[in-house]
Protein backbone atom coordinates (compact mmCIF):
# COMPACT_ATOMS: atom_id res chain seq x y z
CA MET A 1 -17.54 44.13 23.95
CA GLU A 2 -15.98 42.18 21.24
CA ASN A 3 -16.14 43.59 17.75
CA PRO A 4 -17.96 40.78 15.59
CA SER A 5 -16.35 42.22 12.51
CA ARG A 6 -12.80 41.60 13.81
CA THR A 7 -10.88 39.14 11.74
CA PRO A 8 -9.94 36.14 13.82
CA GLU A 9 -6.28 35.71 14.64
CA PRO A 10 -4.58 32.86 12.58
CA SER A 11 -3.83 29.68 14.61
CA PRO A 12 -0.14 29.52 15.69
CA PRO A 13 1.85 27.10 13.34
CA LEU A 14 2.47 23.62 14.41
CA ASN A 15 5.99 23.05 15.69
CA PRO A 16 7.63 20.61 13.32
CA ASP A 17 9.58 19.12 16.35
CA ARG A 18 6.37 17.54 17.53
CA VAL A 19 5.97 15.84 14.00
CA ALA A 20 7.67 12.99 12.41
CA VAL A 21 7.39 11.65 8.74
CA LEU A 22 6.94 7.78 8.32
CA ILE A 23 7.70 6.38 4.99
CA PRO A 24 7.06 2.70 4.39
CA ALA A 25 9.11 1.40 1.37
CA TYR A 26 9.58 -1.77 -0.50
CA GLN A 27 11.89 -1.86 -3.61
CA GLU A 28 11.91 1.94 -3.91
CA GLU A 29 15.57 2.55 -4.69
CA ARG A 30 14.57 4.68 -7.74
CA HIS A 31 12.59 7.26 -5.75
CA ILE A 32 13.26 7.04 -1.94
CA ARG A 33 16.37 9.16 -1.85
CA GLU A 34 14.48 12.19 -3.34
CA VAL A 35 11.24 11.64 -1.45
CA ALA A 36 13.06 11.34 2.01
CA ALA A 37 15.32 14.33 1.25
CA ARG A 38 12.33 16.56 0.13
CA ALA A 39 10.56 15.47 3.36
CA ARG A 40 13.42 16.31 5.53
CA ALA A 41 13.28 19.76 4.03
CA VAL A 42 9.92 20.21 5.65
CA ILE A 43 10.14 17.98 8.77
CA PRO A 44 13.57 17.05 10.22
CA ALA A 45 12.50 13.68 11.58
CA VAL A 46 12.05 11.15 8.76
CA LEU A 47 11.92 7.49 9.27
CA VAL A 48 11.84 4.97 6.51
CA ILE A 49 10.83 1.41 7.08
CA ASP A 50 12.60 -0.71 4.51
CA ASP A 51 10.00 -3.82 4.40
CA GLY A 52 12.58 -6.38 3.34
CA SER A 53 13.66 -4.91 -0.08
CA GLY A 54 16.22 -6.66 -2.11
CA ASP A 55 17.53 -3.46 -3.82
CA ALA A 56 19.35 -0.41 -2.39
CA THR A 57 16.20 1.22 -0.83
CA ALA A 58 17.74 1.33 2.67
CA ARG A 59 21.03 2.71 1.47
CA GLU A 60 19.45 5.33 -0.68
CA ALA A 61 17.18 6.46 2.20
CA ALA A 62 19.98 6.69 4.63
CA GLU A 63 22.11 8.75 2.30
CA ALA A 64 19.29 11.24 2.11
CA GLY A 65 19.64 11.76 5.91
CA ALA A 66 16.60 9.66 6.83
CA GLU A 67 16.63 7.07 9.74
CA VAL A 68 16.13 3.53 8.48
CA ILE A 69 14.77 0.59 10.09
CA ARG A 70 14.84 -2.59 7.97
CA HIS A 71 12.54 -5.72 8.21
CA PRO A 72 14.59 -8.93 7.50
CA ARG A 73 11.88 -9.94 5.30
CA ASN A 74 8.79 -8.54 3.37
CA GLN A 75 5.87 -8.47 5.90
CA GLY A 76 3.57 -5.86 4.04
CA LYS A 77 2.83 -2.16 3.94
CA GLY A 78 0.62 -2.41 7.14
CA ALA A 79 3.42 -4.10 9.13
CA ALA A 80 5.95 -1.39 7.98
CA ILE A 81 3.45 1.32 9.08
CA LYS A 82 2.94 -0.45 12.42
CA THR A 83 6.72 -0.68 13.01
CA GLY A 84 7.03 2.89 12.53
CA PHE A 85 4.11 3.74 14.69
CA ARG A 86 5.61 1.81 17.53
CA THR A 87 9.12 3.57 17.23
CA LEU A 88 7.64 7.07 16.86
CA LEU A 89 5.14 6.64 19.67
CA ALA A 90 7.77 5.56 22.07
CA ARG A 91 9.81 8.71 21.08
CA GLY A 92 6.99 10.98 22.08
CA PHE A 93 6.14 12.65 18.73
CA GLU A 94 2.48 14.08 18.82
CA TYR A 95 1.71 13.67 15.12
CA VAL A 96 2.93 11.09 12.54
CA ILE A 97 2.67 11.85 8.83
CA ILE A 98 2.73 8.91 6.37
CA LEU A 99 3.62 9.17 2.75
CA ASP A 100 4.54 6.73 0.11
CA GLY A 101 8.08 6.29 -0.97
CA ASP A 102 7.32 6.05 -4.87
CA GLY A 103 6.99 9.84 -5.52
CA GLN A 104 3.23 9.66 -5.85
CA HIS A 105 3.00 12.22 -3.05
CA LEU A 106 4.66 15.79 -2.89
CA PRO A 107 6.54 16.13 0.39
CA GLU A 108 6.18 19.78 0.08
CA GLU A 109 2.42 19.43 0.63
CA ILE A 110 3.14 18.32 4.18
CA GLY A 111 2.51 21.92 5.06
CA ARG A 112 -1.06 21.50 4.18
CA PHE A 113 -1.61 18.83 6.90
CA LEU A 114 0.36 20.97 9.23
CA GLU A 115 -1.89 23.93 8.67
CA THR A 116 -5.08 21.87 9.11
CA ALA A 117 -3.77 20.20 12.34
CA ALA A 118 -2.81 23.57 13.60
CA ALA A 119 -6.30 25.04 13.07
CA CYS A 120 -7.93 22.09 14.77
CA PRO A 121 -5.65 21.03 17.67
CA GLY A 122 -5.79 17.34 18.53
CA LEU A 123 -7.55 16.31 15.33
CA PRO A 124 -6.85 12.65 15.33
CA PHE A 125 -6.87 11.71 11.62
CA LEU A 126 -6.33 13.65 8.48
CA ILE A 127 -6.13 12.00 4.96
CA GLY A 128 -5.18 13.30 1.60
CA SER A 129 -7.82 13.75 -1.07
CA ARG A 130 -6.92 13.76 -4.66
CA MET A 131 -10.46 14.03 -5.99
CA ARG A 132 -10.15 17.66 -6.89
CA GLU A 133 -7.95 16.46 -9.74
CA SER A 134 -9.55 13.00 -10.08
CA ALA A 135 -9.56 13.38 -13.85
CA ARG A 136 -5.70 12.77 -13.81
CA MET A 137 -6.18 9.30 -12.19
CA PRO A 138 -6.12 6.30 -14.55
CA LEU A 139 -9.87 5.53 -15.33
CA LEU A 140 -9.88 2.23 -13.54
CA ARG A 141 -8.35 3.51 -10.39
CA ARG A 142 -10.78 6.38 -10.33
CA TRP A 143 -13.83 4.26 -10.55
CA THR A 144 -12.35 1.72 -8.02
CA ASN A 145 -11.49 4.44 -5.66
CA ARG A 146 -14.93 6.04 -5.78
CA LEU A 147 -16.66 2.75 -5.31
CA LEU A 148 -14.50 1.79 -2.41
CA SER A 149 -14.74 5.22 -0.76
CA ARG A 150 -18.46 5.28 -0.85
CA GLY A 151 -18.58 1.71 0.76
CA ILE A 152 -15.97 2.41 3.44
CA SER A 153 -17.61 5.75 4.22
CA ARG A 154 -20.84 4.19 4.97
CA LEU A 155 -19.18 1.49 7.10
CA CYS A 156 -17.31 3.88 9.16
CA GLY A 157 -19.99 6.54 9.52
CA VAL A 158 -17.67 9.42 8.21
CA PRO A 159 -17.45 10.71 4.67
CA VAL A 160 -14.10 10.04 3.31
CA PRO A 161 -13.69 11.02 -0.39
CA ASP A 162 -10.44 9.30 -1.13
CA THR A 163 -10.03 6.36 1.13
CA GLN A 164 -7.23 4.80 -1.10
CA CYS A 165 -4.81 7.79 -0.52
CA GLY A 166 -1.69 6.91 1.66
CA PHE A 167 -0.86 10.51 2.53
CA ARG A 168 -2.05 10.76 6.09
CA MET A 169 -1.45 12.42 9.41
CA VAL A 170 -2.27 10.64 12.70
CA HIS A 171 -2.39 12.13 16.11
CA ARG A 172 -0.64 9.93 18.82
CA SER A 173 -3.93 9.57 20.72
CA LEU A 174 -5.37 7.26 17.99
CA ILE A 175 -2.12 5.24 17.21
CA PRO A 176 -2.58 2.65 19.96
CA ALA A 177 -6.01 1.79 18.58
CA LEU A 178 -4.42 0.96 15.08
CA PHE A 179 -2.48 -2.05 16.11
CA CYS A 180 -4.91 -4.39 14.42
CA GLU A 181 -4.33 -7.63 12.64
CA SER A 182 -3.99 -6.38 9.12
CA ASN A 183 -0.57 -6.31 7.73
CA ALA A 184 -0.78 -5.75 4.02
CA PHE A 185 -2.39 -2.97 1.80
CA GLU A 186 -5.91 -3.66 3.47
CA TYR A 187 -4.25 -2.00 6.71
CA GLU A 188 -4.72 1.59 5.32
CA THR A 189 -8.47 0.89 4.90
CA GLU A 190 -8.73 -0.68 8.40
CA MET A 191 -7.20 2.44 9.82
CA ILE A 192 -10.21 4.58 8.38
CA LEU A 193 -12.56 1.92 9.61
CA ILE A 194 -11.20 1.96 13.24
CA ALA A 195 -10.95 5.81 13.47
CA GLY A 196 -14.62 6.17 12.13
CA ARG A 197 -16.04 3.51 14.42
CA ARG A 198 -14.40 5.07 17.46
CA GLY A 199 -16.23 8.40 16.46
CA CYS A 200 -12.96 10.21 15.54
CA PRO A 201 -13.29 13.17 13.34
CA ILE A 202 -11.55 12.34 9.81
CA ARG A 203 -10.41 15.54 7.99
CA SER A 204 -9.63 15.43 4.24
CA VAL A 205 -6.81 17.54 2.83
CA ALA A 206 -6.74 18.47 -0.74
CA ILE A 207 -3.50 17.24 -2.37
CA SER A 208 -2.01 16.83 -5.94
CA THR A 209 -2.87 13.81 -8.11
CA ILE A 210 0.33 12.36 -9.56
CA TYR A 211 0.72 9.37 -11.58
CA ALA A 212 4.09 9.09 -13.31
CA ASP A 213 6.58 6.01 -13.59
CA GLU A 214 5.89 4.53 -10.04
CA VAL A 215 5.07 0.81 -10.04
CA SER A 216 1.97 -0.20 -8.10
CA ARG A 217 2.78 -2.96 -5.49
CA ILE A 218 -1.01 -3.81 -5.29
CA ARG A 219 -1.97 -7.12 -6.66
CA PRO A 220 -5.57 -6.58 -7.78
CA LEU A 221 -7.02 -10.00 -7.06
CA ARG A 222 -5.17 -10.82 -3.78
CA ASP A 223 -5.37 -7.42 -2.31
CA GLY A 224 -8.83 -6.74 -3.59
CA TRP A 225 -9.99 -9.91 -1.94
CA ARG A 226 -8.37 -9.00 1.30
CA ILE A 227 -10.24 -5.62 1.32
CA LEU A 228 -13.51 -7.24 0.56
CA ARG A 229 -13.11 -9.60 3.40
CA LEU A 230 -12.13 -6.82 5.66
CA LEU A 231 -15.31 -4.78 4.67
CA ALA A 232 -17.50 -7.86 5.15
CA ARG A 233 -16.08 -8.32 8.66
CA TYR A 234 -17.02 -4.74 9.69
CA ARG A 235 -20.25 -4.87 7.90
CA LYS A 236 -21.21 -7.65 10.70
CA SER A 237 -20.36 -5.35 13.40
CA PRO A 238 -22.72 -2.46 14.19
CA LEU A 239 -21.74 1.30 14.27
CA ARG A 240 -20.82 2.59 17.82
């Protein structure tokens, strides 16, 4: 008879060779070399998608040892992520970790995603949550994030405390469903909506909240309008 007091054995670690890091980047020559190098210290396969930058983003990423694919013109963050998805899916990776190239995420915290995925094999979608340290966010971003996260969580039927976090981990089984029409910043929101509407479990992973000298590429009026249109479209379609 099995002893109920026995401590369960820890899950075996996730093999890093099954995982690739995807970094969409635009005009990130100041930070991309360090971000890519630190990511490679955790996961050897790092792919940077340079989304039509006019600076040295591609060169800096390559000199850090990352593979680089360049878009000839700027197409949007969503388009860059989808280019990375197509490439890495074709190469057989089981998981893709996405993080921003501006230094707002700590590559060393990739391990937190790996541990969570190892404990729940096949978990389709993991997303970082900075809400444990939400006081470190600029006030306007904190309020906006909370408001959007509540609305998006209701629409997708899954509670997601930090829907605006770009630090994510996606299983290959979900990736084909993520080739939708969105190509700009609203794509990250649509990823969550698609996963939730398909009934996929979404697990949040606590990460650090960092705001330093990074320059946000989000244009509040234009990108805010795109997100609102996206939410209106999903609001019209019933949950499955």
